[in-house]
Protein backbone atom coordinates (compact mmCIF):
# COMPACT_ATOMS: atom_id res chain seq x y z
CA UNK A 1 0.00 0.00 0.00
CA UNK A 2 1.34 3.41 -1.01
CA UNK A 3 1.97 6.05 1.60
CA UNK A 4 -0.82 8.52 2.18
CA UNK A 5 -0.29 11.62 0.05
CA UNK A 6 0.87 9.59 -2.96
CA UNK A 7 -1.58 8.74 -5.74
CA UNK A 8 -1.22 8.08 -9.47
CA UNK A 9 -4.67 8.12 -11.09
CA UNK A 10 -5.77 7.81 -14.69
CA UNK A 11 -8.42 9.97 -16.30
CA UNK A 12 -10.48 9.64 -19.48
CA UNK A 13 -11.09 12.96 -21.19
CA UNK A 14 -14.64 13.87 -22.22
CA UNK A 15 -14.04 17.10 -24.15
CA UNK A 16 -14.15 16.59 -27.91
CA UNK A 17 -11.62 18.17 -30.25
CA UNK A 18 -14.45 20.16 -31.83
CA UNK A 19 -15.38 21.73 -28.48
CA UNK A 20 -11.73 22.39 -27.62
CA UNK A 21 -11.15 24.21 -30.89
CA UNK A 22 -13.96 26.65 -30.11
CA UNK A 23 -11.67 28.25 -27.53
CA UNK A 24 -8.60 28.47 -29.75
CA UNK A 25 -8.89 32.23 -30.33
CA UNK A 26 -11.12 33.52 -27.51
CA UNK A 27 -9.51 36.13 -25.25
CA UNK A 28 -9.27 35.02 -21.63
CA UNK A 29 -10.64 38.42 -20.58
CA UNK A 30 -13.81 37.74 -22.59
CA UNK A 31 -14.15 34.24 -21.14
CA UNK A 32 -13.86 35.84 -17.70
CA UNK A 33 -16.59 38.37 -18.53
CA UNK A 34 -18.87 35.55 -19.68
CA UNK A 35 -18.77 33.92 -16.25
CA UNK A 36 -19.16 37.14 -14.27
CA UNK A 37 -15.42 37.57 -13.64
CA UNK A 38 -15.36 35.01 -10.84
CA UNK A 39 -12.71 32.54 -11.98
CA UNK A 40 -9.26 32.32 -13.54
CA UNK A 41 -5.74 33.08 -12.37
CA UNK A 42 -4.40 36.49 -11.43
CA UNK A 43 -0.77 36.02 -10.39
CA UNK A 44 0.43 33.47 -12.96
CA UNK A 45 2.29 34.91 -15.94
CA UNK A 46 3.55 33.52 -19.26
CA UNK A 47 7.24 32.68 -19.11
CA UNK A 48 7.56 31.70 -22.78
CA UNK A 49 8.21 34.02 -25.71
CA UNK A 50 4.58 34.35 -26.62
CA UNK A 51 1.48 32.53 -27.66
CA UNK A 52 -1.57 30.92 -26.14
CA UNK A 53 -2.04 27.71 -24.24
CA UNK A 54 -4.97 25.41 -24.97
CA UNK A 55 -5.61 21.82 -23.99
CA UNK A 56 -7.17 19.41 -21.53
CA UNK A 57 -5.98 19.53 -17.93
CA UNK A 58 -3.70 16.80 -16.64
CA UNK A 59 -3.52 17.78 -12.98
CA UNK A 60 -0.74 17.33 -10.43
CA UNK A 61 -0.67 18.19 -6.75
CA UNK A 62 2.86 18.20 -5.43
CA UNK A 63 4.66 18.98 -2.23
CA UNK A 64 6.10 22.51 -2.41
CA UNK A 65 9.49 22.44 -4.08
CA UNK A 66 9.17 18.80 -5.19
CA UNK A 67 8.64 17.61 -8.77
CA UNK A 68 8.66 13.80 -8.58
CA UNK A 69 5.00 13.62 -9.64
CA UNK A 70 5.55 16.22 -12.36
CA UNK A 71 8.11 13.88 -13.91
CA UNK A 72 5.53 11.09 -13.77
CA UNK A 73 2.95 13.40 -15.34
CA UNK A 74 5.23 14.04 -18.32
CA UNK A 75 5.47 10.28 -18.82
CA UNK A 76 1.69 9.79 -18.55
CA UNK A 77 0.16 12.85 -20.23
CA UNK A 78 -1.26 12.53 -23.73
CA UNK A 79 -0.33 14.82 -26.63
CA UNK A 80 -2.35 18.00 -26.29
CA UNK A 81 -2.69 17.80 -22.50
CA UNK A 82 -1.79 20.78 -20.33
CA UNK A 83 0.05 19.74 -17.17
CA UNK A 84 -1.47 21.84 -14.38
CA UNK A 85 0.58 21.80 -11.17
CA UNK A 86 -0.58 22.85 -7.72
CA UNK A 87 2.85 23.39 -6.18
CA UNK A 88 1.78 25.42 -3.17
CA UNK A 89 1.90 28.91 -4.62
CA UNK A 90 4.74 31.26 -3.57
CA UNK A 91 7.71 29.00 -2.82
CA UNK A 92 11.51 29.05 -3.10
CA UNK A 93 12.25 25.95 -5.18
CA UNK A 94 11.53 25.70 -8.91
CA UNK A 95 9.28 22.92 -10.17
CA UNK A 96 10.50 22.70 -13.77
CA UNK A 97 13.33 24.06 -15.89
CA UNK A 98 14.70 23.76 -19.40
CA UNK A 99 15.19 19.97 -19.40
CA UNK A 100 11.64 19.12 -18.30
CA UNK A 101 10.17 21.75 -20.61
CA UNK A 102 12.11 20.38 -23.57
CA UNK A 103 11.05 16.82 -22.75
CA UNK A 104 7.38 17.82 -22.45
CA UNK A 105 7.50 19.69 -25.74
CA UNK A 106 9.09 16.68 -27.48
CA UNK A 107 6.11 14.59 -26.32
CA UNK A 108 3.67 17.15 -27.76
CA UNK A 109 2.28 18.18 -24.40
CA UNK A 110 0.46 21.49 -24.81
CA UNK A 111 2.25 23.29 -21.98
CA UNK A 112 2.60 23.81 -18.25
CA UNK A 113 0.54 25.85 -15.78
CA UNK A 114 2.40 25.94 -12.47
CA UNK A 115 1.37 27.57 -9.21
CA UNK A 116 4.98 27.82 -8.13
CA UNK A 117 8.37 28.89 -9.50
CA UNK A 118 10.29 27.79 -12.58
CA UNK A 119 13.98 28.16 -13.38
CA UNK A 120 16.15 28.44 -16.51
CA UNK A 121 14.19 31.56 -17.38
CA UNK A 122 16.53 32.66 -20.18
CA UNK A 123 15.92 29.43 -22.09
CA UNK A 124 12.19 29.18 -21.42
CA UNK A 125 11.56 32.84 -22.23
CA UNK A 126 13.15 32.47 -25.66
CA UNK A 127 11.04 29.46 -26.59
CA UNK A 128 7.44 29.19 -27.74
CA UNK A 129 6.51 26.18 -25.61
CA UNK A 130 3.78 27.54 -23.28
CA UNK A 131 4.78 27.81 -19.63
CA UNK A 132 2.70 29.83 -17.16
CA UNK A 133 4.09 30.11 -13.64
CA UNK A 134 4.00 32.23 -10.51
CA UNK A 135 7.67 33.15 -10.20
CA UNK A 136 11.32 32.37 -10.96
CA UNK A 137 13.91 30.75 -8.70
CA UNK A 138 17.41 29.40 -9.29
CA UNK A 139 16.86 26.81 -6.54
CA UNK A 140 16.20 23.37 -7.95
CA UNK A 141 13.45 20.94 -6.90
CA UNK A 142 13.50 17.82 -4.75
CA UNK A 143 12.27 14.46 -6.01
CA UNK A 144 10.85 12.76 -2.94
CA UNK A 145 7.12 13.46 -3.02
CA UNK A 146 4.47 13.32 -1.82
CA UNK A 147 2.17 14.14 -4.68
CA UNK A 148 -0.98 13.12 -6.52
CA UNK A 149 -1.85 12.86 -10.20
CA UNK A 150 -5.27 13.49 -11.78
CA UNK A 151 -6.95 14.92 -8.70
CA UNK A 152 -8.79 18.20 -8.23
CA UNK A 153 -6.27 20.97 -7.58
CA UNK A 154 -6.27 24.68 -6.75
CA UNK A 155 -4.02 26.91 -8.84
CA UNK A 156 -3.80 30.57 -7.84
CA UNK A 157 -7.27 30.30 -6.32
CA UNK A 158 -8.72 28.58 -9.40
CA UNK A 159 -10.12 25.08 -8.99
CA UNK A 160 -9.05 22.73 -11.78
CA UNK A 161 -10.44 19.24 -12.37
CA UNK A 162 -8.78 16.59 -14.54
CA UNK A 163 -10.02 17.07 -18.08
CA UNK A 164 -11.05 20.72 -17.75
CA UNK A 165 -10.37 22.90 -20.78
CA UNK A 166 -7.36 25.11 -20.07
CA UNK A 167 -7.06 28.39 -21.96
CA UNK A 168 -4.31 30.91 -21.36
CA UNK A 169 -3.01 34.15 -22.85
CA UNK A 170 -1.08 37.14 -21.52
CA UNK A 171 -4.01 38.13 -19.29
CA UNK A 172 -4.01 34.83 -17.40
CA UNK A 173 -5.25 31.25 -17.40
CA UNK A 174 -8.80 29.94 -17.27
CA UNK A 175 -10.20 26.47 -16.50
CA UNK A 176 -13.53 25.49 -18.07
CA UNK A 177 -15.70 22.58 -16.97
CA UNK A 178 -16.62 20.30 -19.91
CA UNK A 179 -20.34 20.42 -19.17
CA UNK A 180 -20.55 24.20 -19.68
CA UNK A 181 -18.05 24.50 -22.52
CA UNK A 182 -20.39 24.60 -25.52
CA UNK A 183 -22.76 27.14 -23.97
CA UNK A 184 -19.85 29.24 -22.73
CA UNK A 185 -18.36 29.28 -26.23
CA UNK A 186 -21.61 30.73 -27.59
CA UNK A 187 -21.67 33.44 -24.92
CA UNK A 188 -18.03 34.41 -25.52
CA UNK A 189 -18.63 34.56 -29.27
CA UNK A 190 -21.45 37.04 -28.65
CA UNK A 191 -19.18 39.16 -26.43
CA UNK A 192 -16.45 39.23 -29.04
CA UNK A 193 -18.98 40.17 -31.74
CA UNK A 194 -20.13 43.14 -29.62
CA UNK A 195 -16.49 44.18 -29.11
CA UNK A 196 -15.93 44.30 -32.86
CA UNK A 197 -19.03 46.48 -33.22
CA UNK A 198 -17.66 48.86 -30.56
CA UNK A 199 -14.32 49.15 -32.32
CA UNK A 200 -16.12 49.86 -35.60
CA UNK A 201 -18.11 52.67 -33.96
CA UNK A 202 -14.93 54.12 -32.43
CA UNK A 203 -13.34 54.18 -35.87
CA UNK A 204 -16.38 55.97 -37.28
CA UNK A 205 -16.69 58.36 -34.33
CA UNK A 206 -20.24 57.19 -33.60
CA UNK A 207 -19.79 55.47 -30.24
CA UNK A 208 -22.49 56.52 -27.75
CA UNK A 209 -20.84 57.62 -24.48
CA UNK A 210 -23.94 59.01 -22.79
CA UNK A 211 -23.92 56.17 -20.24
CA UNK A 212 -20.94 57.78 -18.45
CA UNK A 213 -22.84 60.93 -17.46
CA UNK A 214 -25.95 58.87 -16.74
CA UNK A 215 -23.99 56.78 -14.24
CA UNK A 216 -22.56 59.91 -12.60
CA UNK A 217 -26.01 61.51 -12.34
CA UNK A 218 -27.33 58.39 -10.68
CA UNK A 219 -24.60 58.77 -8.05
CA UNK A 220 -25.36 62.47 -7.54
CA UNK A 221 -22.07 63.65 -9.01
CA UNK A 222 -23.65 65.50 -11.94
CA UNK A 223 -26.96 67.30 -12.19
C-alpha atoms as a PDB file:
ATOM      1  CA  UNK A   1       0.000   0.000   0.000  1.00  0.00           C
ATOM      2  CA  UNK A   2       1.342   3.414  -1.014  1.00  0.00           C
ATOM      3  CA  UNK A   3       1.973   6.050   1.595  1.00  0.00           C
ATOM      4  CA  UNK A   4      -0.819   8.520   2.181  1.00  0.00           C
ATOM      5  CA  UNK A   5      -0.286  11.618   0.050  1.00  0.00           C
ATOM      6  CA  UNK A   6       0.872   9.589  -2.958  1.00  0.00           C
ATOM      7  CA  UNK A   7      -1.580   8.739  -5.743  1.00  0.00           C
ATOM      8  CA  UNK A   8      -1.225   8.078  -9.467  1.00  0.00           C
ATOM      9  CA  UNK A   9      -4.668   8.124 -11.091  1.00  0.00           C
ATOM     10  CA  UNK A  10      -5.766   7.807 -14.693  1.00  0.00           C
ATOM     11  CA  UNK A  11      -8.423   9.967 -16.304  1.00  0.00           C
ATOM     12  CA  UNK A  12     -10.483   9.642 -19.477  1.00  0.00           C
ATOM     13  CA  UNK A  13     -11.093  12.961 -21.192  1.00  0.00           C
ATOM     14  CA  UNK A  14     -14.636  13.867 -22.221  1.00  0.00           C
ATOM     15  CA  UNK A  15     -14.044  17.103 -24.148  1.00  0.00           C
ATOM     16  CA  UNK A  16     -14.147  16.593 -27.914  1.00  0.00           C
ATOM     17  CA  UNK A  17     -11.620  18.168 -30.253  1.00  0.00           C
ATOM     18  CA  UNK A  18     -14.447  20.162 -31.828  1.00  0.00           C
ATOM     19  CA  UNK A  19     -15.376  21.727 -28.484  1.00  0.00           C
ATOM     20  CA  UNK A  20     -11.734  22.390 -27.616  1.00  0.00           C
ATOM     21  CA  UNK A  21     -11.146  24.211 -30.889  1.00  0.00           C
ATOM     22  CA  UNK A  22     -13.960  26.646 -30.112  1.00  0.00           C
ATOM     23  CA  UNK A  23     -11.667  28.245 -27.528  1.00  0.00           C
ATOM     24  CA  UNK A  24      -8.595  28.471 -29.754  1.00  0.00           C
ATOM     25  CA  UNK A  25      -8.891  32.232 -30.329  1.00  0.00           C
ATOM     26  CA  UNK A  26     -11.122  33.523 -27.513  1.00  0.00           C
ATOM     27  CA  UNK A  27      -9.508  36.127 -25.255  1.00  0.00           C
ATOM     28  CA  UNK A  28      -9.265  35.025 -21.630  1.00  0.00           C
ATOM     29  CA  UNK A  29     -10.644  38.416 -20.585  1.00  0.00           C
ATOM     30  CA  UNK A  30     -13.811  37.741 -22.586  1.00  0.00           C
ATOM     31  CA  UNK A  31     -14.148  34.244 -21.138  1.00  0.00           C
ATOM     32  CA  UNK A  32     -13.863  35.841 -17.700  1.00  0.00           C
ATOM     33  CA  UNK A  33     -16.589  38.366 -18.534  1.00  0.00           C
ATOM     34  CA  UNK A  34     -18.870  35.549 -19.680  1.00  0.00           C
ATOM     35  CA  UNK A  35     -18.769  33.916 -16.251  1.00  0.00           C
ATOM     36  CA  UNK A  36     -19.164  37.141 -14.271  1.00  0.00           C
ATOM     37  CA  UNK A  37     -15.415  37.573 -13.642  1.00  0.00           C
ATOM     38  CA  UNK A  38     -15.364  35.012 -10.842  1.00  0.00           C
ATOM     39  CA  UNK A  39     -12.706  32.545 -11.985  1.00  0.00           C
ATOM     40  CA  UNK A  40      -9.256  32.323 -13.544  1.00  0.00           C
ATOM     41  CA  UNK A  41      -5.735  33.075 -12.369  1.00  0.00           C
ATOM     42  CA  UNK A  42      -4.398  36.485 -11.430  1.00  0.00           C
ATOM     43  CA  UNK A  43      -0.769  36.020 -10.385  1.00  0.00           C
ATOM     44  CA  UNK A  44       0.432  33.465 -12.956  1.00  0.00           C
ATOM     45  CA  UNK A  45       2.287  34.906 -15.941  1.00  0.00           C
ATOM     46  CA  UNK A  46       3.545  33.522 -19.258  1.00  0.00           C
ATOM     47  CA  UNK A  47       7.236  32.675 -19.113  1.00  0.00           C
ATOM     48  CA  UNK A  48       7.562  31.700 -22.776  1.00  0.00           C
ATOM     49  CA  UNK A  49       8.205  34.020 -25.707  1.00  0.00           C
ATOM     50  CA  UNK A  50       4.580  34.355 -26.617  1.00  0.00           C
ATOM     51  CA  UNK A  51       1.484  32.525 -27.658  1.00  0.00           C
ATOM     52  CA  UNK A  52      -1.573  30.923 -26.142  1.00  0.00           C
ATOM     53  CA  UNK A  53      -2.043  27.711 -24.240  1.00  0.00           C
ATOM     54  CA  UNK A  54      -4.965  25.410 -24.972  1.00  0.00           C
ATOM     55  CA  UNK A  55      -5.610  21.822 -23.989  1.00  0.00           C
ATOM     56  CA  UNK A  56      -7.174  19.409 -21.527  1.00  0.00           C
ATOM     57  CA  UNK A  57      -5.980  19.525 -17.930  1.00  0.00           C
ATOM     58  CA  UNK A  58      -3.701  16.804 -16.635  1.00  0.00           C
ATOM     59  CA  UNK A  59      -3.517  17.777 -12.981  1.00  0.00           C
ATOM     60  CA  UNK A  60      -0.741  17.333 -10.432  1.00  0.00           C
ATOM     61  CA  UNK A  61      -0.673  18.186  -6.749  1.00  0.00           C
ATOM     62  CA  UNK A  62       2.861  18.200  -5.433  1.00  0.00           C
ATOM     63  CA  UNK A  63       4.662  18.975  -2.228  1.00  0.00           C
ATOM     64  CA  UNK A  64       6.100  22.515  -2.411  1.00  0.00           C
ATOM     65  CA  UNK A  65       9.492  22.444  -4.082  1.00  0.00           C
ATOM     66  CA  UNK A  66       9.171  18.797  -5.190  1.00  0.00           C
ATOM     67  CA  UNK A  67       8.644  17.606  -8.774  1.00  0.00           C
ATOM     68  CA  UNK A  68       8.655  13.802  -8.576  1.00  0.00           C
ATOM     69  CA  UNK A  69       5.005  13.621  -9.638  1.00  0.00           C
ATOM     70  CA  UNK A  70       5.550  16.217 -12.361  1.00  0.00           C
ATOM     71  CA  UNK A  71       8.114  13.885 -13.908  1.00  0.00           C
ATOM     72  CA  UNK A  72       5.529  11.095 -13.772  1.00  0.00           C
ATOM     73  CA  UNK A  73       2.950  13.402 -15.340  1.00  0.00           C
ATOM     74  CA  UNK A  74       5.233  14.036 -18.320  1.00  0.00           C
ATOM     75  CA  UNK A  75       5.468  10.280 -18.821  1.00  0.00           C
ATOM     76  CA  UNK A  76       1.689   9.791 -18.555  1.00  0.00           C
ATOM     77  CA  UNK A  77       0.156  12.848 -20.232  1.00  0.00           C
ATOM     78  CA  UNK A  78      -1.259  12.534 -23.729  1.00  0.00           C
ATOM     79  CA  UNK A  79      -0.331  14.822 -26.627  1.00  0.00           C
ATOM     80  CA  UNK A  80      -2.349  18.005 -26.286  1.00  0.00           C
ATOM     81  CA  UNK A  81      -2.690  17.801 -22.500  1.00  0.00           C
ATOM     82  CA  UNK A  82      -1.794  20.779 -20.330  1.00  0.00           C
ATOM     83  CA  UNK A  83       0.054  19.740 -17.166  1.00  0.00           C
ATOM     84  CA  UNK A  84      -1.466  21.837 -14.375  1.00  0.00           C
ATOM     85  CA  UNK A  85       0.580  21.799 -11.169  1.00  0.00           C
ATOM     86  CA  UNK A  86      -0.585  22.853  -7.720  1.00  0.00           C
ATOM     87  CA  UNK A  87       2.846  23.392  -6.177  1.00  0.00           C
ATOM     88  CA  UNK A  88       1.779  25.422  -3.169  1.00  0.00           C
ATOM     89  CA  UNK A  89       1.897  28.915  -4.616  1.00  0.00           C
ATOM     90  CA  UNK A  90       4.742  31.261  -3.570  1.00  0.00           C
ATOM     91  CA  UNK A  91       7.712  28.996  -2.824  1.00  0.00           C
ATOM     92  CA  UNK A  92      11.509  29.046  -3.104  1.00  0.00           C
ATOM     93  CA  UNK A  93      12.252  25.948  -5.177  1.00  0.00           C
ATOM     94  CA  UNK A  94      11.535  25.703  -8.907  1.00  0.00           C
ATOM     95  CA  UNK A  95       9.280  22.924 -10.169  1.00  0.00           C
ATOM     96  CA  UNK A  96      10.502  22.704 -13.765  1.00  0.00           C
ATOM     97  CA  UNK A  97      13.326  24.055 -15.888  1.00  0.00           C
ATOM     98  CA  UNK A  98      14.702  23.757 -19.403  1.00  0.00           C
ATOM     99  CA  UNK A  99      15.188  19.971 -19.401  1.00  0.00           C
ATOM    100  CA  UNK A 100      11.644  19.125 -18.301  1.00  0.00           C
ATOM    101  CA  UNK A 101      10.166  21.752 -20.606  1.00  0.00           C
ATOM    102  CA  UNK A 102      12.112  20.379 -23.566  1.00  0.00           C
ATOM    103  CA  UNK A 103      11.050  16.820 -22.749  1.00  0.00           C
ATOM    104  CA  UNK A 104       7.378  17.817 -22.449  1.00  0.00           C
ATOM    105  CA  UNK A 105       7.505  19.693 -25.741  1.00  0.00           C
ATOM    106  CA  UNK A 106       9.086  16.680 -27.480  1.00  0.00           C
ATOM    107  CA  UNK A 107       6.112  14.594 -26.316  1.00  0.00           C
ATOM    108  CA  UNK A 108       3.673  17.151 -27.757  1.00  0.00           C
ATOM    109  CA  UNK A 109       2.282  18.184 -24.398  1.00  0.00           C
ATOM    110  CA  UNK A 110       0.457  21.491 -24.814  1.00  0.00           C
ATOM    111  CA  UNK A 111       2.248  23.288 -21.982  1.00  0.00           C
ATOM    112  CA  UNK A 112       2.597  23.812 -18.245  1.00  0.00           C
ATOM    113  CA  UNK A 113       0.539  25.846 -15.783  1.00  0.00           C
ATOM    114  CA  UNK A 114       2.402  25.938 -12.466  1.00  0.00           C
ATOM    115  CA  UNK A 115       1.370  27.567  -9.206  1.00  0.00           C
ATOM    116  CA  UNK A 116       4.976  27.821  -8.129  1.00  0.00           C
ATOM    117  CA  UNK A 117       8.373  28.890  -9.500  1.00  0.00           C
ATOM    118  CA  UNK A 118      10.293  27.789 -12.581  1.00  0.00           C
ATOM    119  CA  UNK A 119      13.976  28.158 -13.385  1.00  0.00           C
ATOM    120  CA  UNK A 120      16.148  28.441 -16.513  1.00  0.00           C
ATOM    121  CA  UNK A 121      14.187  31.559 -17.375  1.00  0.00           C
ATOM    122  CA  UNK A 122      16.526  32.656 -20.181  1.00  0.00           C
ATOM    123  CA  UNK A 123      15.924  29.428 -22.093  1.00  0.00           C
ATOM    124  CA  UNK A 124      12.194  29.182 -21.419  1.00  0.00           C
ATOM    125  CA  UNK A 125      11.564  32.836 -22.235  1.00  0.00           C
ATOM    126  CA  UNK A 126      13.155  32.472 -25.664  1.00  0.00           C
ATOM    127  CA  UNK A 127      11.038  29.458 -26.590  1.00  0.00           C
ATOM    128  CA  UNK A 128       7.442  29.193 -27.744  1.00  0.00           C
ATOM    129  CA  UNK A 129       6.510  26.179 -25.607  1.00  0.00           C
ATOM    130  CA  UNK A 130       3.782  27.545 -23.284  1.00  0.00           C
ATOM    131  CA  UNK A 131       4.776  27.815 -19.632  1.00  0.00           C
ATOM    132  CA  UNK A 132       2.700  29.833 -17.163  1.00  0.00           C
ATOM    133  CA  UNK A 133       4.094  30.115 -13.643  1.00  0.00           C
ATOM    134  CA  UNK A 134       3.995  32.235 -10.513  1.00  0.00           C
ATOM    135  CA  UNK A 135       7.670  33.154 -10.199  1.00  0.00           C
ATOM    136  CA  UNK A 136      11.316  32.369 -10.964  1.00  0.00           C
ATOM    137  CA  UNK A 137      13.911  30.752  -8.704  1.00  0.00           C
ATOM    138  CA  UNK A 138      17.408  29.399  -9.293  1.00  0.00           C
ATOM    139  CA  UNK A 139      16.864  26.810  -6.540  1.00  0.00           C
ATOM    140  CA  UNK A 140      16.198  23.370  -7.949  1.00  0.00           C
ATOM    141  CA  UNK A 141      13.449  20.937  -6.896  1.00  0.00           C
ATOM    142  CA  UNK A 142      13.496  17.819  -4.753  1.00  0.00           C
ATOM    143  CA  UNK A 143      12.271  14.458  -6.012  1.00  0.00           C
ATOM    144  CA  UNK A 144      10.854  12.756  -2.942  1.00  0.00           C
ATOM    145  CA  UNK A 145       7.117  13.456  -3.025  1.00  0.00           C
ATOM    146  CA  UNK A 146       4.466  13.325  -1.822  1.00  0.00           C
ATOM    147  CA  UNK A 147       2.170  14.139  -4.684  1.00  0.00           C
ATOM    148  CA  UNK A 148      -0.979  13.123  -6.522  1.00  0.00           C
ATOM    149  CA  UNK A 149      -1.852  12.860 -10.203  1.00  0.00           C
ATOM    150  CA  UNK A 150      -5.269  13.494 -11.776  1.00  0.00           C
ATOM    151  CA  UNK A 151      -6.948  14.924  -8.701  1.00  0.00           C
ATOM    152  CA  UNK A 152      -8.793  18.198  -8.228  1.00  0.00           C
ATOM    153  CA  UNK A 153      -6.268  20.973  -7.579  1.00  0.00           C
ATOM    154  CA  UNK A 154      -6.272  24.680  -6.749  1.00  0.00           C
ATOM    155  CA  UNK A 155      -4.019  26.908  -8.837  1.00  0.00           C
ATOM    156  CA  UNK A 156      -3.797  30.570  -7.837  1.00  0.00           C
ATOM    157  CA  UNK A 157      -7.270  30.298  -6.320  1.00  0.00           C
ATOM    158  CA  UNK A 158      -8.719  28.583  -9.400  1.00  0.00           C
ATOM    159  CA  UNK A 159     -10.123  25.083  -8.992  1.00  0.00           C
ATOM    160  CA  UNK A 160      -9.049  22.732 -11.780  1.00  0.00           C
ATOM    161  CA  UNK A 161     -10.441  19.243 -12.369  1.00  0.00           C
ATOM    162  CA  UNK A 162      -8.784  16.594 -14.537  1.00  0.00           C
ATOM    163  CA  UNK A 163     -10.024  17.066 -18.084  1.00  0.00           C
ATOM    164  CA  UNK A 164     -11.051  20.716 -17.751  1.00  0.00           C
ATOM    165  CA  UNK A 165     -10.367  22.896 -20.784  1.00  0.00           C
ATOM    166  CA  UNK A 166      -7.362  25.108 -20.065  1.00  0.00           C
ATOM    167  CA  UNK A 167      -7.058  28.391 -21.958  1.00  0.00           C
ATOM    168  CA  UNK A 168      -4.313  30.913 -21.359  1.00  0.00           C
ATOM    169  CA  UNK A 169      -3.013  34.150 -22.847  1.00  0.00           C
ATOM    170  CA  UNK A 170      -1.079  37.136 -21.524  1.00  0.00           C
ATOM    171  CA  UNK A 171      -4.012  38.127 -19.292  1.00  0.00           C
ATOM    172  CA  UNK A 172      -4.010  34.831 -17.399  1.00  0.00           C
ATOM    173  CA  UNK A 173      -5.246  31.254 -17.401  1.00  0.00           C
ATOM    174  CA  UNK A 174      -8.797  29.936 -17.266  1.00  0.00           C
ATOM    175  CA  UNK A 175     -10.197  26.468 -16.501  1.00  0.00           C
ATOM    176  CA  UNK A 176     -13.531  25.495 -18.067  1.00  0.00           C
ATOM    177  CA  UNK A 177     -15.699  22.580 -16.966  1.00  0.00           C
ATOM    178  CA  UNK A 178     -16.615  20.303 -19.906  1.00  0.00           C
ATOM    179  CA  UNK A 179     -20.344  20.418 -19.168  1.00  0.00           C
ATOM    180  CA  UNK A 180     -20.551  24.203 -19.684  1.00  0.00           C
ATOM    181  CA  UNK A 181     -18.052  24.497 -22.519  1.00  0.00           C
ATOM    182  CA  UNK A 182     -20.385  24.597 -25.519  1.00  0.00           C
ATOM    183  CA  UNK A 183     -22.763  27.135 -23.970  1.00  0.00           C
ATOM    184  CA  UNK A 184     -19.847  29.239 -22.733  1.00  0.00           C
ATOM    185  CA  UNK A 185     -18.358  29.278 -26.228  1.00  0.00           C
ATOM    186  CA  UNK A 186     -21.612  30.729 -27.593  1.00  0.00           C
ATOM    187  CA  UNK A 187     -21.668  33.436 -24.924  1.00  0.00           C
ATOM    188  CA  UNK A 188     -18.032  34.408 -25.515  1.00  0.00           C
ATOM    189  CA  UNK A 189     -18.628  34.556 -29.269  1.00  0.00           C
ATOM    190  CA  UNK A 190     -21.446  37.042 -28.649  1.00  0.00           C
ATOM    191  CA  UNK A 191     -19.183  39.160 -26.425  1.00  0.00           C
ATOM    192  CA  UNK A 192     -16.455  39.231 -29.045  1.00  0.00           C
ATOM    193  CA  UNK A 193     -18.981  40.169 -31.742  1.00  0.00           C
ATOM    194  CA  UNK A 194     -20.129  43.137 -29.623  1.00  0.00           C
ATOM    195  CA  UNK A 195     -16.494  44.177 -29.108  1.00  0.00           C
ATOM    196  CA  UNK A 196     -15.934  44.297 -32.862  1.00  0.00           C
ATOM    197  CA  UNK A 197     -19.027  46.479 -33.219  1.00  0.00           C
ATOM    198  CA  UNK A 198     -17.664  48.862 -30.561  1.00  0.00           C
ATOM    199  CA  UNK A 199     -14.315  49.152 -32.324  1.00  0.00           C
ATOM    200  CA  UNK A 200     -16.115  49.859 -35.597  1.00  0.00           C
ATOM    201  CA  UNK A 201     -18.105  52.671 -33.957  1.00  0.00           C
ATOM    202  CA  UNK A 202     -14.931  54.123 -32.431  1.00  0.00           C
ATOM    203  CA  UNK A 203     -13.337  54.177 -35.874  1.00  0.00           C
ATOM    204  CA  UNK A 204     -16.377  55.972 -37.283  1.00  0.00           C
ATOM    205  CA  UNK A 205     -16.691  58.364 -34.332  1.00  0.00           C
ATOM    206  CA  UNK A 206     -20.242  57.190 -33.596  1.00  0.00           C
ATOM    207  CA  UNK A 207     -19.792  55.470 -30.237  1.00  0.00           C
ATOM    208  CA  UNK A 208     -22.491  56.523 -27.749  1.00  0.00           C
ATOM    209  CA  UNK A 209     -20.835  57.616 -24.481  1.00  0.00           C
ATOM    210  CA  UNK A 210     -23.939  59.008 -22.795  1.00  0.00           C
ATOM    211  CA  UNK A 211     -23.917  56.175 -20.244  1.00  0.00           C
ATOM    212  CA  UNK A 212     -20.942  57.782 -18.450  1.00  0.00           C
ATOM    213  CA  UNK A 213     -22.839  60.929 -17.463  1.00  0.00           C
ATOM    214  CA  UNK A 214     -25.953  58.871 -16.736  1.00  0.00           C
ATOM    215  CA  UNK A 215     -23.991  56.781 -14.241  1.00  0.00           C
ATOM    216  CA  UNK A 216     -22.562  59.912 -12.599  1.00  0.00           C
ATOM    217  CA  UNK A 217     -26.012  61.509 -12.345  1.00  0.00           C
ATOM    218  CA  UNK A 218     -27.330  58.388 -10.678  1.00  0.00           C
ATOM    219  CA  UNK A 219     -24.600  58.775  -8.046  1.00  0.00           C
ATOM    220  CA  UNK A 220     -25.359  62.470  -7.540  1.00  0.00           C
ATOM    221  CA  UNK A 221     -22.068  63.652  -9.013  1.00  0.00           C
ATOM    222  CA  UNK A 222     -23.654  65.498 -11.939  1.00  0.00           C
ATOM    223  CA  UNK A 223     -26.955  67.299 -12.191  1.00  0.00           C
END
